[in-house]
């Protein structure tokens, strides 16, 4: 199942890693309401968590009006 679910990304024109200070877009409510850990025996209690929107804003320029 693991190998069938893998995706290989091709880094054309050196697009990755994204340069610091660039604008990026991320969409959907899960950028703020990020699900962490798992359920049942896979449940994890982290000392702290950072949602996707906050993590991106730590490194990239973000539009907080759109985030709200």
N, C-alpha and C. Protein backbone atom coordinates (compact mmCIF):
# COMPACT_ATOMS: atom_id res chain seq x y z
N UNK A 1 0.83 -1.19 0.00
CA UNK A 1 0.00 0.00 0.00
C UNK A 1 0.87 1.25 0.00
N UNK A 2 2.00 1.20 0.72
CA UNK A 2 2.87 2.37 0.80
C UNK A 2 3.43 2.76 -0.55
N UNK A 3 3.94 1.79 -1.30
CA UNK A 3 4.52 2.12 -2.60
C UNK A 3 3.46 2.54 -3.60
N UNK A 4 2.27 2.00 -3.50
CA UNK A 4 1.20 2.40 -4.42
C UNK A 4 0.69 3.80 -4.13
N UNK A 5 0.89 4.29 -2.91
CA UNK A 5 0.42 5.62 -2.55
C UNK A 5 1.47 6.70 -2.69
N UNK A 6 2.66 6.37 -3.17
CA UNK A 6 3.73 7.35 -3.29
C UNK A 6 3.58 8.19 -4.56
N UNK A 7 4.02 9.44 -4.46
CA UNK A 7 4.03 10.34 -5.60
C UNK A 7 5.44 10.91 -5.71
N UNK A 8 5.99 10.88 -6.91
CA UNK A 8 7.31 11.44 -7.16
C UNK A 8 7.14 12.82 -7.78
N UNK A 9 7.74 13.82 -7.16
CA UNK A 9 7.67 15.18 -7.68
C UNK A 9 8.92 15.50 -8.47
N UNK A 10 8.74 16.14 -9.60
CA UNK A 10 9.87 16.55 -10.43
C UNK A 10 10.12 18.04 -10.18
N UNK A 11 11.32 18.40 -9.84
CA UNK A 11 11.67 19.77 -9.49
C UNK A 11 12.11 20.55 -10.72
N UNK A 12 11.19 20.77 -11.65
CA UNK A 12 11.49 21.54 -12.86
C UNK A 12 11.83 22.98 -12.50
N UNK A 13 12.79 23.54 -13.14
CA UNK A 13 13.20 24.94 -12.97
C UNK A 13 13.54 25.29 -11.54
N UNK A 14 13.97 24.33 -10.76
CA UNK A 14 14.37 24.56 -9.36
C UNK A 14 13.28 25.29 -8.57
N UNK A 15 12.05 24.83 -8.69
CA UNK A 15 10.92 25.45 -7.99
C UNK A 15 10.98 25.19 -6.49
N UNK A 16 11.63 24.11 -6.09
CA UNK A 16 11.71 23.76 -4.68
C UNK A 16 13.15 23.82 -4.21
N UNK A 17 13.47 24.24 -3.03
CA UNK A 17 12.53 24.76 -2.03
C UNK A 17 12.08 26.16 -2.39
N UNK A 18 10.90 26.55 -1.93
CA UNK A 18 10.36 27.88 -2.18
C UNK A 18 11.22 28.87 -1.39
N UNK A 19 11.64 29.93 -2.05
CA UNK A 19 12.51 30.92 -1.41
C UNK A 19 11.78 31.65 -0.30
N UNK A 20 12.47 31.89 0.80
CA UNK A 20 11.89 32.60 1.93
C UNK A 20 11.45 34.00 1.50
N UNK A 21 10.30 34.45 1.99
CA UNK A 21 9.79 35.77 1.64
C UNK A 21 8.83 35.75 0.47
N UNK A 22 8.71 34.63 -0.23
CA UNK A 22 7.79 34.52 -1.35
C UNK A 22 6.36 34.39 -0.84
N UNK A 23 5.39 34.72 -1.68
CA UNK A 23 3.98 34.53 -1.33
C UNK A 23 3.56 33.13 -1.73
N UNK A 24 2.80 32.48 -0.87
CA UNK A 24 2.28 31.15 -1.15
C UNK A 24 0.78 31.15 -0.86
N UNK A 25 0.08 30.18 -1.41
CA UNK A 25 -1.36 30.07 -1.18
C UNK A 25 -1.68 28.69 -0.61
N UNK A 26 -2.58 28.67 0.34
CA UNK A 26 -3.09 27.42 0.87
C UNK A 26 -4.58 27.63 1.12
N UNK A 27 -5.36 26.64 0.80
CA UNK A 27 -6.81 26.81 0.80
C UNK A 27 -7.49 25.80 1.70
N UNK A 28 -8.62 26.18 2.23
CA UNK A 28 -9.45 25.26 2.98
C UNK A 28 -9.42 25.52 4.47
N UNK A 29 -10.48 25.13 5.12
CA UNK A 29 -10.62 25.33 6.56
C UNK A 29 -9.58 24.55 7.35
N UNK A 30 -9.06 23.47 6.79
CA UNK A 30 -8.08 22.65 7.50
C UNK A 30 -6.71 23.33 7.63
N UNK A 31 -6.52 24.47 6.99
CA UNK A 31 -5.28 25.22 7.16
C UNK A 31 -5.23 25.84 8.55
N UNK A 32 -6.41 26.14 9.11
CA UNK A 32 -6.51 26.71 10.45
C UNK A 32 -6.91 25.63 11.45
N UNK A 33 -7.88 24.81 11.09
CA UNK A 33 -8.34 23.73 11.95
C UNK A 33 -7.57 22.46 11.59
N UNK A 34 -6.27 22.51 11.79
CA UNK A 34 -5.40 21.41 11.41
C UNK A 34 -5.61 20.22 12.34
N UNK A 35 -5.80 19.05 11.77
CA UNK A 35 -5.96 17.84 12.57
C UNK A 35 -4.58 17.28 12.91
N UNK A 36 -4.40 16.94 14.17
CA UNK A 36 -3.11 16.44 14.64
C UNK A 36 -3.27 15.05 15.20
N UNK A 37 -2.18 14.31 15.22
CA UNK A 37 -2.18 12.99 15.84
C UNK A 37 -2.97 11.98 15.04
N UNK A 38 -3.69 11.16 15.73
CA UNK A 38 -4.47 10.12 15.09
C UNK A 38 -5.66 9.79 15.96
N UNK A 39 -6.13 8.60 15.83
CA UNK A 39 -7.25 8.18 16.69
C UNK A 39 -6.97 6.76 17.17
N UNK A 40 -7.63 6.39 18.24
CA UNK A 40 -7.44 5.06 18.79
C UNK A 40 -6.01 4.89 19.28
N UNK A 41 -5.36 3.80 18.92
CA UNK A 41 -4.00 3.54 19.38
C UNK A 41 -2.98 4.47 18.72
N UNK A 42 -3.38 5.19 17.66
CA UNK A 42 -2.48 6.12 16.99
C UNK A 42 -2.58 7.53 17.53
N UNK A 43 -3.38 7.74 18.59
CA UNK A 43 -3.57 9.07 19.15
C UNK A 43 -2.25 9.58 19.74
N UNK A 44 -1.92 10.84 19.45
CA UNK A 44 -0.67 11.44 19.89
C UNK A 44 -0.99 12.75 20.61
N UNK A 45 -0.37 12.97 21.75
CA UNK A 45 -0.53 14.22 22.49
C UNK A 45 0.80 14.96 22.45
N UNK A 46 0.88 15.95 21.58
CA UNK A 46 2.12 16.72 21.41
C UNK A 46 2.21 17.80 22.48
N UNK A 47 3.42 18.21 22.81
CA UNK A 47 3.62 19.28 23.78
C UNK A 47 3.03 20.59 23.27
N UNK A 48 3.09 20.82 21.97
CA UNK A 48 2.47 21.98 21.34
C UNK A 48 2.26 21.67 19.87
N UNK A 49 1.39 22.40 19.22
CA UNK A 49 1.14 22.22 17.79
C UNK A 49 1.08 23.59 17.12
N UNK A 50 1.34 23.60 15.83
CA UNK A 50 1.24 24.80 15.01
C UNK A 50 0.38 24.44 13.82
N UNK A 51 -0.71 25.21 13.57
CA UNK A 51 -1.54 24.89 12.41
C UNK A 51 -0.82 25.28 11.13
N UNK A 52 -1.31 24.80 10.02
CA UNK A 52 -0.64 25.00 8.73
C UNK A 52 -0.53 26.48 8.39
N UNK A 53 -1.60 27.26 8.61
CA UNK A 53 -1.58 28.69 8.29
C UNK A 53 -0.50 29.42 9.08
N UNK A 54 -0.39 29.13 10.37
CA UNK A 54 0.64 29.77 11.21
C UNK A 54 2.03 29.33 10.79
N UNK A 55 2.19 28.04 10.50
CA UNK A 55 3.49 27.55 10.05
C UNK A 55 3.95 28.22 8.78
N UNK A 56 3.04 28.40 7.83
CA UNK A 56 3.40 29.09 6.59
C UNK A 56 3.74 30.55 6.85
N UNK A 57 2.99 31.21 7.74
CA UNK A 57 3.25 32.63 8.01
C UNK A 57 4.57 32.83 8.74
N UNK A 58 5.10 31.80 9.38
CA UNK A 58 6.41 31.91 10.02
C UNK A 58 7.54 32.01 9.00
N UNK A 59 7.30 31.54 7.77
CA UNK A 59 8.36 31.52 6.77
C UNK A 59 8.05 32.35 5.52
N UNK A 60 6.76 32.51 5.21
CA UNK A 60 6.37 33.17 3.97
C UNK A 60 5.45 34.34 4.25
N UNK A 61 5.31 35.22 3.25
CA UNK A 61 4.38 36.33 3.33
C UNK A 61 2.97 35.78 3.18
N UNK A 62 2.09 36.12 4.10
CA UNK A 62 0.69 35.65 4.03
C UNK A 62 -0.25 36.83 4.11
N UNK A 63 -1.45 36.65 3.58
CA UNK A 63 -2.49 37.67 3.61
C UNK A 63 -3.43 37.34 4.76
N UNK A 64 -3.30 38.06 5.87
CA UNK A 64 -4.10 37.74 7.05
C UNK A 64 -5.58 38.05 6.85
N UNK A 65 -5.92 39.00 5.95
CA UNK A 65 -7.34 39.26 5.67
C UNK A 65 -7.99 38.03 5.05
N UNK A 66 -7.32 37.39 4.13
CA UNK A 66 -7.87 36.17 3.54
C UNK A 66 -7.94 35.05 4.55
N UNK A 67 -6.96 34.98 5.43
CA UNK A 67 -6.95 33.94 6.45
C UNK A 67 -8.13 34.07 7.40
N UNK A 68 -8.46 35.30 7.76
CA UNK A 68 -9.61 35.53 8.64
C UNK A 68 -10.88 35.13 7.95
